[in-house]
Amino acid sequence: MAIASPIQCPSGGRALPGTATKCASTVFWLCIALLGAGCSLGPPLPDDARLVTDVIYAEREGGPLTGRLFVPAGAGPHPAVLLLHGGGWRNGAPRQMDGIGRHLAGEGFVVFSAAYRLAPASRHPAQLDDVRDAFLWLVARDEVDPTRTAAWGYSAGAQLALLLGFNPVPGKHRPHAIVAGGTPAVFELFDPRSRLLMNYLGGSREAAPQVWVDASPIHWVSPDDPPVYLYHGQTDGLVDIEHARRLARALTEAGVKVTLDEVRGGHLGVFLNGRDVEARATVFLKGLSGS
């Protein structure tokens, strides 16, 4: 496959090291508290599109798993995108991704923004099991063209989107493209005793080394992976941009089509102010889907 060149934007500073610090942890939780503001950003939902809330896609012991379904005008079948929110695997909700959902619906995509079980009550791979079910539910809908599908996530949601594409269930549908922003892709770059990662993975890297490997998207890269659009803030102090750079190199070496879009800003800023990069990512998806 052809390899896209990285997109370079002017740097606003130097990214913090990938190893977590107490300061970065404090900033992280401030970011999580603000991520919900993302639902108010972006364009309005087009008058000829519709949003259906609290749509149940799976049942779990703790109750139903739901999402927000955006359906564009026309009978279709349409290309489709599964949206996955961030929040450190322990917070967040589908409405955080409403701005992206409204934008994509306006571009002719069916969009499902899915909830998934959260840590520490549920640990990896429970979240991956949930997003796999959400994706299969979306692909099976009458409005959706199953040959034109994608997953798009930010932060923790980006990690899940990548695992969905890189580690498919044999014989089941997998996304034809992935958009991943602010992605935790190389778990070895994190503090091996990070409370956040231990809550999600069930132990430190020393205590559960294979789980840390299994949850790290870079370890699932293979030549048959779908094309990937990565975007990442150059001054991201929560998930260092080295995650995206290493993943882009691994995909390139495997012969997978990848675009690395390095943008100005930090983890929260890119999510809240990322309309330009989201537009570029949509062009990427439309080019692959033939829309």
C-alpha atoms as a PDB file:
ATOM      1  CA  MET A   1       0.000   0.000   0.000  1.00  0.00           C
ATOM      2  CA  ALA A   2       1.044   3.581  -0.530  1.00  0.00           C
ATOM      3  CA  ILE A   3       2.293   5.360   2.574  1.00  0.00           C
ATOM      4  CA  ALA A   4       1.075   8.875   3.249  1.00  0.00           C
ATOM      5  CA  SER A   5       3.564  11.455   4.416  1.00  0.00           C
ATOM      6  CA  PRO A   6       3.235  12.886   7.924  1.00  0.00           C
ATOM      7  CA  ILE A   7       1.497  16.261   8.110  1.00  0.00           C
ATOM      8  CA  GLN A   8       3.622  18.754  10.003  1.00  0.00           C
ATOM      9  CA  CYS A   9       2.157  21.763  11.821  1.00  0.00           C
ATOM     10  CA  PRO A  10       4.090  24.480  13.654  1.00  0.00           C
ATOM     11  CA  SER A  11       5.074  23.323  17.107  1.00  0.00           C
ATOM     12  CA  GLY A  12       3.761  25.135  20.145  1.00  0.00           C
ATOM     13  CA  GLY A  13       6.411  23.626  22.385  1.00  0.00           C
ATOM     14  CA  ARG A  14       7.969  20.356  23.409  1.00  0.00           C
ATOM     15  CA  ALA A  15       5.875  17.437  24.543  1.00  0.00           C
ATOM     16  CA  LEU A  16       6.319  16.116  28.051  1.00  0.00           C
ATOM     17  CA  PRO A  17       7.966  12.720  28.506  1.00  0.00           C
ATOM     18  CA  GLY A  18       5.719   9.688  28.091  1.00  0.00           C
ATOM     19  CA  THR A  19       6.250   8.468  31.642  1.00  0.00           C
ATOM     20  CA  ALA A  20       3.376   9.582  33.878  1.00  0.00           C
ATOM     21  CA  THR A  21       4.061  12.086  36.661  1.00  0.00           C
ATOM     22  CA  LYS A  22       1.975  13.311  39.566  1.00  0.00           C
ATOM     23  CA  CYS A  23       1.573  16.633  37.811  1.00  0.00           C
ATOM     24  CA  ALA A  24       0.419  14.977  34.598  1.00  0.00           C
ATOM     25  CA  SER A  25      -2.014  12.837  36.597  1.00  0.00           C
ATOM     26  CA  THR A  26      -3.569  15.949  38.140  1.00  0.00           C
ATOM     27  CA  VAL A  27      -3.900  17.585  34.738  1.00  0.00           C
ATOM     28  CA  PHE A  28      -5.382  14.361  33.378  1.00  0.00           C
ATOM     29  CA  TRP A  29      -8.293  14.422  35.792  1.00  0.00           C
ATOM     30  CA  LEU A  30      -8.924  18.074  35.044  1.00  0.00           C
ATOM     31  CA  CYS A  31      -9.054  17.127  31.381  1.00  0.00           C
ATOM     32  CA  ILE A  32     -11.498  14.308  32.026  1.00  0.00           C
ATOM     33  CA  ALA A  33     -13.796  16.722  33.843  1.00  0.00           C
ATOM     34  CA  LEU A  34     -13.803  19.002  30.791  1.00  0.00           C
ATOM     35  CA  LEU A  35     -14.050  16.419  28.015  1.00  0.00           C
ATOM     36  CA  GLY A  36     -17.829  16.391  28.225  1.00  0.00           C
ATOM     37  CA  ALA A  37     -17.771  19.886  26.743  1.00  0.00           C
ATOM     38  CA  GLY A  38     -16.985  18.227  23.424  1.00  0.00           C
ATOM     39  CA  CYS A  39     -20.678  17.444  22.970  1.00  0.00           C
ATOM     40  CA  SER A  40     -21.440  21.127  22.442  1.00  0.00           C
ATOM     41  CA  LEU A  41     -18.758  21.672  19.798  1.00  0.00           C
ATOM     42  CA  GLY A  42     -18.948  21.238  16.066  1.00  0.00           C
ATOM     43  CA  PRO A  43     -21.746  21.949  13.603  1.00  0.00           C
ATOM     44  CA  PRO A  44     -25.456  21.503  14.322  1.00  0.00           C
ATOM     45  CA  LEU A  45     -27.182  18.349  13.168  1.00  0.00           C
ATOM     46  CA  PRO A  46     -28.506  18.899   9.642  1.00  0.00           C
ATOM     47  CA  ASP A  47     -32.264  19.374   9.457  1.00  0.00           C
ATOM     48  CA  ASP A  48     -32.611  16.302   7.235  1.00  0.00           C
ATOM     49  CA  ALA A  49     -30.645  14.030   9.592  1.00  0.00           C
ATOM     50  CA  ARG A  50     -31.805  12.534  12.873  1.00  0.00           C
ATOM     51  CA  LEU A  51     -30.352  11.547  16.234  1.00  0.00           C
ATOM     52  CA  VAL A  52     -31.711   8.624  18.250  1.00  0.00           C
ATOM     53  CA  THR A  53     -30.500   8.460  21.855  1.00  0.00           C
ATOM     54  CA  ASP A  54     -30.253   5.580  24.355  1.00  0.00           C
ATOM     55  CA  VAL A  55     -30.166   2.934  21.640  1.00  0.00           C
ATOM     56  CA  ILE A  56     -29.437  -0.477  23.177  1.00  0.00           C
ATOM     57  CA  TYR A  57     -26.857  -2.519  21.301  1.00  0.00           C
ATOM     58  CA  ALA A  58     -25.999  -5.230  23.862  1.00  0.00           C
ATOM     59  CA  GLU A  59     -26.994  -6.566  27.255  1.00  0.00           C
ATOM     60  CA  ARG A  60     -24.532  -7.187  30.075  1.00  0.00           C
ATOM     61  CA  GLU A  61     -24.912  -8.467  33.611  1.00  0.00           C
ATOM     62  CA  GLY A  62     -24.768  -4.885  34.880  1.00  0.00           C
ATOM     63  CA  GLY A  63     -27.435  -3.684  32.464  1.00  0.00           C
ATOM     64  CA  PRO A  64     -27.799  -2.636  28.822  1.00  0.00           C
ATOM     65  CA  LEU A  65     -25.084  -0.960  26.802  1.00  0.00           C
ATOM     66  CA  THR A  66     -26.360   1.984  24.798  1.00  0.00           C
ATOM     67  CA  GLY A  67     -25.274   4.571  22.274  1.00  0.00           C
ATOM     68  CA  ARG A  68     -26.309   7.566  20.207  1.00  0.00           C
ATOM     69  CA  LEU A  69     -27.244   6.890  16.589  1.00  0.00           C
ATOM     70  CA  PHE A  70     -26.888   9.614  13.941  1.00  0.00           C
ATOM     71  CA  VAL A  71     -28.644   8.843  10.646  1.00  0.00           C
ATOM     72  CA  PRO A  72     -28.150  11.055   7.576  1.00  0.00           C
ATOM     73  CA  ALA A  73     -30.805  11.844   4.994  1.00  0.00           C
ATOM     74  CA  GLY A  74     -31.600   9.304   2.311  1.00  0.00           C
ATOM     75  CA  ALA A  75     -32.311   5.596   2.275  1.00  0.00           C
ATOM     76  CA  GLY A  76     -28.706   4.538   1.906  1.00  0.00           C
ATOM     77  CA  PRO A  77     -26.956   2.273   2.321  1.00  0.00           C
ATOM     78  CA  HIS A  78     -24.465   4.742   3.774  1.00  0.00           C
ATOM     79  CA  PRO A  79     -20.878   4.435   4.971  1.00  0.00           C
ATOM     80  CA  ALA A  80     -20.740   4.120   8.736  1.00  0.00           C
ATOM     81  CA  VAL A  81     -18.482   5.133  11.619  1.00  0.00           C
ATOM     82  CA  LEU A  82     -18.347   3.796  15.165  1.00  0.00           C
ATOM     83  CA  LEU A  83     -17.346   6.581  17.577  1.00  0.00           C
ATOM     84  CA  LEU A  84     -15.584   5.773  20.858  1.00  0.00           C
ATOM     85  CA  HIS A  85     -15.197   8.343  23.623  1.00  0.00           C
ATOM     86  CA  GLY A  86     -12.199   8.957  25.853  1.00  0.00           C
ATOM     87  CA  GLY A  87     -11.995   9.248  29.619  1.00  0.00           C
ATOM     88  CA  GLY A  88      -9.116   7.050  30.727  1.00  0.00           C
ATOM     89  CA  TRP A  89     -11.242   3.869  30.464  1.00  0.00           C
ATOM     90  CA  ARG A  90     -12.968   4.860  33.715  1.00  0.00           C
ATOM     91  CA  ASN A  91     -15.006   7.946  32.767  1.00  0.00           C
ATOM     92  CA  GLY A  92     -16.750   9.473  29.798  1.00  0.00           C
ATOM     93  CA  ALA A  93     -19.935   8.982  27.811  1.00  0.00           C
ATOM     94  CA  PRO A  94     -21.036   8.781  24.171  1.00  0.00           C
ATOM     95  CA  ARG A  95     -22.333  12.361  24.069  1.00  0.00           C
ATOM     96  CA  GLN A  96     -18.723  13.593  24.328  1.00  0.00           C
ATOM     97  CA  MET A  97     -18.401  12.677  20.650  1.00  0.00           C
ATOM     98  CA  ASP A  98     -21.579  14.469  19.518  1.00  0.00           C
ATOM     99  CA  GLY A  99     -19.671  17.208  17.698  1.00  0.00           C
ATOM    100  CA  ILE A 100     -17.899  14.647  15.516  1.00  0.00           C
ATOM    101  CA  GLY A 101     -21.127  12.672  15.146  1.00  0.00           C
ATOM    102  CA  ARG A 102     -23.076  15.671  13.866  1.00  0.00           C
ATOM    103  CA  HIS A 103     -20.260  16.547  11.469  1.00  0.00           C
ATOM    104  CA  LEU A 104     -20.077  13.027  10.028  1.00  0.00           C
ATOM    105  CA  ALA A 105     -23.859  12.755   9.698  1.00  0.00           C
ATOM    106  CA  GLY A 106     -23.747  15.953   7.677  1.00  0.00           C
ATOM    107  CA  GLU A 107     -21.202  14.282   5.399  1.00  0.00           C
ATOM    108  CA  GLY A 108     -23.461  11.286   4.753  1.00  0.00           C
ATOM    109  CA  PHE A 109     -22.232   8.784   7.353  1.00  0.00           C
ATOM    110  CA  VAL A 110     -24.353   6.707   9.695  1.00  0.00           C
ATOM    111  CA  VAL A 111     -22.676   7.204  13.070  1.00  0.00           C
ATOM    112  CA  PHE A 112     -23.007   5.236  16.291  1.00  0.00           C
ATOM    113  CA  SER A 113     -21.369   6.689  19.381  1.00  0.00           C
ATOM    114  CA  ALA A 114     -21.196   3.776  21.798  1.00  0.00           C
ATOM    115  CA  ALA A 115     -20.847   3.424  25.540  1.00  0.00           C
ATOM    116  CA  TYR A 116     -18.657   0.657  26.918  1.00  0.00           C
ATOM    117  CA  ARG A 117     -18.072  -0.756  30.377  1.00  0.00           C
ATOM    118  CA  LEU A 118     -15.705   1.270  32.526  1.00  0.00           C
ATOM    119  CA  ALA A 119     -12.821   0.426  34.844  1.00  0.00           C
ATOM    120  CA  PRO A 120     -12.162  -0.546  37.546  1.00  0.00           C
ATOM    121  CA  ALA A 121     -15.485  -2.423  37.732  1.00  0.00           C
ATOM    122  CA  SER A 122     -14.698  -3.884  34.293  1.00  0.00           C
ATOM    123  CA  ARG A 123     -11.176  -4.481  33.047  1.00  0.00           C
ATOM    124  CA  HIS A 124      -9.512  -5.251  29.747  1.00  0.00           C
ATOM    125  CA  PRO A 125     -10.643  -6.967  27.561  1.00  0.00           C
ATOM    126  CA  ALA A 126     -14.227  -6.170  28.613  1.00  0.00           C
ATOM    127  CA  GLN A 127     -14.105  -2.792  26.844  1.00  0.00           C
ATOM    128  CA  LEU A 128     -12.854  -4.412  23.638  1.00  0.00           C
ATOM    129  CA  ASP A 129     -15.631  -7.010  23.804  1.00  0.00           C
ATOM    130  CA  ASP A 130     -18.154  -4.170  24.071  1.00  0.00           C
ATOM    131  CA  VAL A 131     -16.866  -2.164  21.117  1.00  0.00           C
ATOM    132  CA  ARG A 132     -16.727  -5.314  18.999  1.00  0.00           C
ATOM    133  CA  ASP A 133     -20.424  -5.871  19.733  1.00  0.00           C
ATOM    134  CA  ALA A 134     -21.196  -2.214  19.021  1.00  0.00           C
ATOM    135  CA  PHE A 135     -19.438  -2.412  15.682  1.00  0.00           C
ATOM    136  CA  LEU A 136     -21.210  -5.614  14.628  1.00  0.00           C
ATOM    137  CA  TRP A 137     -24.555  -4.089  15.672  1.00  0.00           C
ATOM    138  CA  LEU A 138     -23.841  -1.044  13.492  1.00  0.00           C
ATOM    139  CA  VAL A 139     -22.682  -3.055  10.480  1.00  0.00           C
ATOM    140  CA  ALA A 140     -25.881  -5.144  10.561  1.00  0.00           C
ATOM    141  CA  ARG A 141     -28.198  -2.130  10.219  1.00  0.00           C
ATOM    142  CA  ASP A 142     -30.177  -1.719   7.004  1.00  0.00           C
ATOM    143  CA  GLU A 143     -28.959   1.879   6.508  1.00  0.00           C
ATOM    144  CA  VAL A 144     -25.305   0.776   6.540  1.00  0.00           C
ATOM    145  CA  ASP A 145     -23.092  -0.420   3.711  1.00  0.00           C
ATOM    146  CA  PRO A 146     -20.959  -3.101   5.441  1.00  0.00           C
ATOM    147  CA  THR A 147     -18.191  -2.643   2.879  1.00  0.00           C
ATOM    148  CA  ARG A 148     -17.634   1.006   3.954  1.00  0.00           C
ATOM    149  CA  THR A 149     -17.121   1.113   7.693  1.00  0.00           C
ATOM    150  CA  ALA A 150     -14.708   2.787  10.088  1.00  0.00           C
ATOM    151  CA  ALA A 151     -13.948   3.317  13.759  1.00  0.00           C
ATOM    152  CA  TRP A 152     -12.974   6.697  15.220  1.00  0.00           C
ATOM    153  CA  GLY A 153     -11.871   7.249  18.789  1.00  0.00           C
ATOM    154  CA  TYR A 154     -10.081   9.790  20.934  1.00  0.00           C
ATOM    155  CA  SER A 155      -7.689   8.986  23.796  1.00  0.00           C
ATOM    156  CA  ALA A 156      -8.881   5.744  25.463  1.00  0.00           C
ATOM    157  CA  GLY A 157     -11.456   5.457  22.692  1.00  0.00           C
ATOM    158  CA  ALA A 158      -8.685   5.633  20.092  1.00  0.00           C
ATOM    159  CA  GLN A 159      -6.870   2.732  21.739  1.00  0.00           C
ATOM    160  CA  LEU A 160     -10.082   0.708  21.545  1.00  0.00           C
ATOM    161  CA  ALA A 161     -10.690   1.708  17.923  1.00  0.00           C
ATOM    162  CA  LEU A 162      -7.201   0.513  17.002  1.00  0.00           C
ATOM    163  CA  LEU A 163      -7.620  -2.800  18.818  1.00  0.00           C
ATOM    164  CA  LEU A 164     -10.955  -3.246  17.058  1.00  0.00           C
ATOM    165  CA  GLY A 165      -9.198  -2.882  13.709  1.00  0.00           C
ATOM    166  CA  PHE A 166      -5.912  -4.610  14.496  1.00  0.00           C
ATOM    167  CA  ASN A 167      -7.241  -7.548  16.553  1.00  0.00           C
ATOM    168  CA  PRO A 168     -10.457  -8.659  14.852  1.00  0.00           C
ATOM    169  CA  VAL A 169     -12.482 -11.732  15.736  1.00  0.00           C
ATOM    170  CA  PRO A 170     -11.811 -14.301  12.980  1.00  0.00           C
ATOM    171  CA  GLY A 171     -14.669 -14.460  10.522  1.00  0.00           C
ATOM    172  CA  LYS A 172     -16.301 -11.242  11.765  1.00  0.00           C
ATOM    173  CA  HIS A 173     -16.463  -7.797  10.168  1.00  0.00           C
ATOM    174  CA  ARG A 174     -13.622  -5.420  10.926  1.00  0.00           C
ATOM    175  CA  PRO A 175     -13.406  -1.684  10.188  1.00  0.00           C
ATOM    176  CA  HIS A 176     -12.104  -0.726   6.761  1.00  0.00           C
ATOM    177  CA  ALA A 177     -10.406   2.351   8.220  1.00  0.00           C
ATOM    178  CA  ILE A 178      -9.483   3.788  11.615  1.00  0.00           C
ATOM    179  CA  VAL A 179      -9.179   7.368  12.848  1.00  0.00           C
ATOM    180  CA  ALA A 180      -7.358   7.657  16.177  1.00  0.00           C
ATOM    181  CA  GLY A 181      -6.605  10.849  18.096  1.00  0.00           C
ATOM    182  CA  GLY A 182      -4.400  11.261  21.161  1.00  0.00           C
ATOM    183  CA  THR A 183      -3.843   7.519  21.146  1.00  0.00           C
ATOM    184  CA  PRO A 184      -2.290   5.475  23.969  1.00  0.00           C
ATOM    185  CA  ALA A 185      -0.604   3.053  21.568  1.00  0.00           C
ATOM    186  CA  VAL A 186       2.584   1.911  23.312  1.00  0.00           C
ATOM    187  CA  PHE A 187       1.864   1.048  26.930  1.00  0.00           C
ATOM    188  CA  GLU A 188       5.554   0.593  27.690  1.00  0.00           C
ATOM    189  CA  LEU A 189       5.829   4.395  27.553  1.00  0.00           C
ATOM    190  CA  PHE A 190       3.647   4.772  30.643  1.00  0.00           C
ATOM    191  CA  ASP A 191       4.628   4.523  34.291  1.00  0.00           C
ATOM    192  CA  PRO A 192       4.625   0.739  34.976  1.00  0.00           C
ATOM    193  CA  ARG A 193       2.695   1.378  38.192  1.00  0.00           C
ATOM    194  CA  SER A 194       0.281   3.979  36.848  1.00  0.00           C
ATOM    195  CA  ARG A 195      -2.911   3.829  38.906  1.00  0.00           C
ATOM    196  CA  LEU A 196      -4.933   4.577  35.793  1.00  0.00           C
ATOM    197  CA  LEU A 197      -3.422   1.667  33.862  1.00  0.00           C
ATOM    198  CA  MET A 198      -3.579  -0.665  36.849  1.00  0.00           C
ATOM    199  CA  ASN A 199      -7.298   0.083  37.218  1.00  0.00           C
ATOM    200  CA  TYR A 200      -7.837  -0.719  33.551  1.00  0.00           C
ATOM    201  CA  LEU A 201      -5.521  -3.716  33.234  1.00  0.00           C
ATOM    202  CA  GLY A 202      -5.804  -5.243  36.697  1.00  0.00           C
ATOM    203  CA  GLY A 203      -2.191  -4.922  37.783  1.00  0.00           C
ATOM    204  CA  SER A 204       1.168  -3.248  37.318  1.00  0.00           C
ATOM    205  CA  ARG A 205       3.324  -4.040  34.292  1.00  0.00           C
ATOM    206  CA  GLU A 206       5.473  -6.254  36.507  1.00  0.00           C
ATOM    207  CA  ALA A 207       2.465  -8.152  37.839  1.00  0.00           C
ATOM    208  CA  ALA A 208       0.579  -8.462  34.527  1.00  0.00           C
ATOM    209  CA  PRO A 209       3.110  -8.041  31.693  1.00  0.00           C
ATOM    210  CA  GLN A 210       1.146  -9.953  29.053  1.00  0.00           C
ATOM    211  CA  VAL A 211      -2.030  -7.965  29.714  1.00  0.00           C
ATOM    212  CA  TRP A 212      -0.077  -4.728  29.183  1.00  0.00           C
ATOM    213  CA  VAL A 213       1.202  -6.124  25.874  1.00  0.00           C
ATOM    214  CA  ASP A 214      -2.228  -7.340  24.766  1.00  0.00           C
ATOM    215  CA  ALA A 215      -3.823  -3.932  25.433  1.00  0.00           C
ATOM    216  CA  SER A 216      -1.113  -2.049  23.507  1.00  0.00           C
ATOM    217  CA  PRO A 217      -2.148  -1.500  19.845  1.00  0.00           C
ATOM    218  CA  ILE A 218       1.408  -1.430  18.541  1.00  0.00           C
ATOM    219  CA  HIS A 219       1.816  -5.113  19.385  1.00  0.00           C
ATOM    220  CA  TRP A 220      -1.075  -6.044  17.080  1.00  0.00           C
ATOM    221  CA  VAL A 221       0.221  -4.331  13.928  1.00  0.00           C
ATOM    222  CA  SER A 222       0.225  -6.605  10.858  1.00  0.00           C
ATOM    223  CA  PRO A 223       0.315  -6.131   7.076  1.00  0.00           C
ATOM    224  CA  ASP A 224      -3.430  -6.733   6.675  1.00  0.00           C
ATOM    225  CA  ASP A 225      -4.457  -3.897   8.998  1.00  0.00           C
ATOM    226  CA  PRO A 226      -6.865  -1.279   7.614  1.00  0.00           C
ATOM    227  CA  PRO A 227      -5.602   2.211   6.711  1.00  0.00           C
ATOM    228  CA  VAL A 228      -5.111   4.484   9.712  1.00  0.00           C
ATOM    229  CA  TYR A 229      -5.322   8.235  10.244  1.00  0.00           C
ATOM    230  CA  LEU A 230      -3.494   9.256  13.419  1.00  0.00           C
ATOM    231  CA  TYR A 231      -3.697  12.763  14.848  1.00  0.00           C
ATOM    232  CA  HIS A 232      -1.907  13.917  17.969  1.00  0.00           C
ATOM    233  CA  GLY A 233      -1.039  17.120  19.781  1.00  0.00           C
ATOM    234  CA  GLN A 234       2.631  18.025  19.642  1.00  0.00           C
ATOM    235  CA  THR A 235       2.574  19.203  23.269  1.00  0.00           C
ATOM    236  CA  ASP A 236       0.403  16.410  24.645  1.00  0.00           C
ATOM    237  CA  GLY A 237       1.628  15.907  28.201  1.00  0.00           C
ATOM    238  CA  LEU A 238      -0.822  13.097  29.015  1.00  0.00           C
ATOM    239  CA  VAL A 239      -0.182  10.795  26.062  1.00  0.00           C
ATOM    240  CA  ASP A 240       3.175  11.750  24.603  1.00  0.00           C
ATOM    241  CA  ILE A 241       3.279  12.161  20.829  1.00  0.00           C
ATOM    242  CA  GLU A 242       5.924   9.432  20.771  1.00  0.00           C
ATOM    243  CA  HIS A 243       3.010   6.968  20.965  1.00  0.00           C
ATOM    244  CA  ALA A 244       1.723   8.149  17.581  1.00  0.00           C
ATOM    245  CA  ARG A 245       5.176   8.368  16.035  1.00  0.00           C
ATOM    246  CA  ARG A 246       6.135   4.843  17.046  1.00  0.00           C
ATOM    247  CA  LEU A 247       2.823   3.445  15.856  1.00  0.00           C
ATOM    248  CA  ALA A 248       3.114   5.270  12.527  1.00  0.00           C
ATOM    249  CA  ARG A 249       6.608   3.807  12.027  1.00  0.00           C
ATOM    250  CA  ALA A 250       5.397   0.299  12.857  1.00  0.00           C
ATOM    251  CA  LEU A 251       2.497   0.568  10.423  1.00  0.00           C
ATOM    252  CA  THR A 252       4.751   1.925   7.690  1.00  0.00           C
ATOM    253  CA  GLU A 253       7.214  -0.916   8.197  1.00  0.00           C
ATOM    254  CA  ALA A 254       4.308  -3.389   7.936  1.00  0.00           C
ATOM    255  CA  GLY A 255       3.193  -1.811   4.650  1.00  0.00           C
ATOM    256  CA  VAL A 256      -0.046  -0.373   6.040  1.00  0.00           C
ATOM    257  CA  LYS A 257      -1.301   2.957   4.731  1.00  0.00           C
ATOM    258  CA  VAL A 258      -0.946   5.505   7.556  1.00  0.00           C
ATOM    259  CA  THR A 259      -1.179   9.264   7.908  1.00  0.00           C
ATOM    260  CA  LEU A 260       0.307  10.960  10.972  1.00  0.00           C
ATOM    261  CA  ASP A 261      -1.167  14.424  11.473  1.00  0.00           C
ATOM    262  CA  GLU A 262       0.871  16.256  14.118  1.00  0.00           C
ATOM    263  CA  VAL A 263      -1.125  19.251  15.294  1.00  0.00           C
ATOM    264  CA  ARG A 264      -0.543  22.145  17.636  1.00  0.00           C
ATOM    265  CA  GLY A 265      -1.843  21.732  21.180  1.00  0.00           C
ATOM    266  CA  GLY A 266      -2.137  19.351  24.083  1.00  0.00           C
ATOM    267  CA  HIS A 267      -4.407  16.413  24.842  1.00  0.00           C
ATOM    268  CA  LEU A 268      -7.525  18.325  25.817  1.00  0.00           C
ATOM    269  CA  GLY A 269      -6.948  21.226  23.435  1.00  0.00           C
ATOM    270  CA  VAL A 270      -6.785  19.015  20.356  1.00  0.00           C
ATOM    271  CA  PHE A 271     -10.065  17.363  21.328  1.00  0.00           C
ATOM    272  CA  LEU A 272     -11.891  20.593  22.091  1.00  0.00           C
ATOM    273  CA  ASN A 273     -10.456  22.648  19.221  1.00  0.00           C
ATOM    274  CA  GLY A 274      -9.810  20.016  16.593  1.00  0.00           C
ATOM    275  CA  ARG A 275     -12.299  21.022  13.913  1.00  0.00           C
ATOM    276  CA  ASP A 276      -9.594  21.393  11.232  1.00  0.00           C
ATOM    277  CA  VAL A 277      -8.012  18.011  11.876  1.00  0.00           C
ATOM    278  CA  GLU A 278     -11.441  16.388  12.089  1.00  0.00           C
ATOM    279  CA  ALA A 279     -12.217  17.807   8.655  1.00  0.00           C
ATOM    280  CA  ARG A 280      -8.990  16.291   7.287  1.00  0.00           C
ATOM    281  CA  ALA A 281      -9.797  12.950   8.888  1.00  0.00           C
ATOM    282  CA  THR A 282     -13.242  13.043   7.263  1.00  0.00           C
ATOM    283  CA  VAL A 283     -11.654  13.611   3.851  1.00  0.00           C
ATOM    284  CA  PHE A 284      -9.508  10.536   4.563  1.00  0.00           C
ATOM    285  CA  LEU A 285     -12.612   8.463   5.352  1.00  0.00           C
ATOM    286  CA  LYS A 286     -14.560   9.720   2.338  1.00  0.00           C
ATOM    287  CA  GLY A 287     -11.656   8.927   0.062  1.00  0.00           C
ATOM    288  CA  LEU A 288     -11.552   5.337   1.292  1.00  0.00           C
ATOM    289  CA  SER A 289     -15.321   4.852   1.277  1.00  0.00           C
ATOM    290  CA  GLY A 290     -15.857   6.346  -2.174  1.00  0.00           C
ATOM    291  CA  SER A 291     -18.353   8.853  -0.757  1.00  0.00           C
END
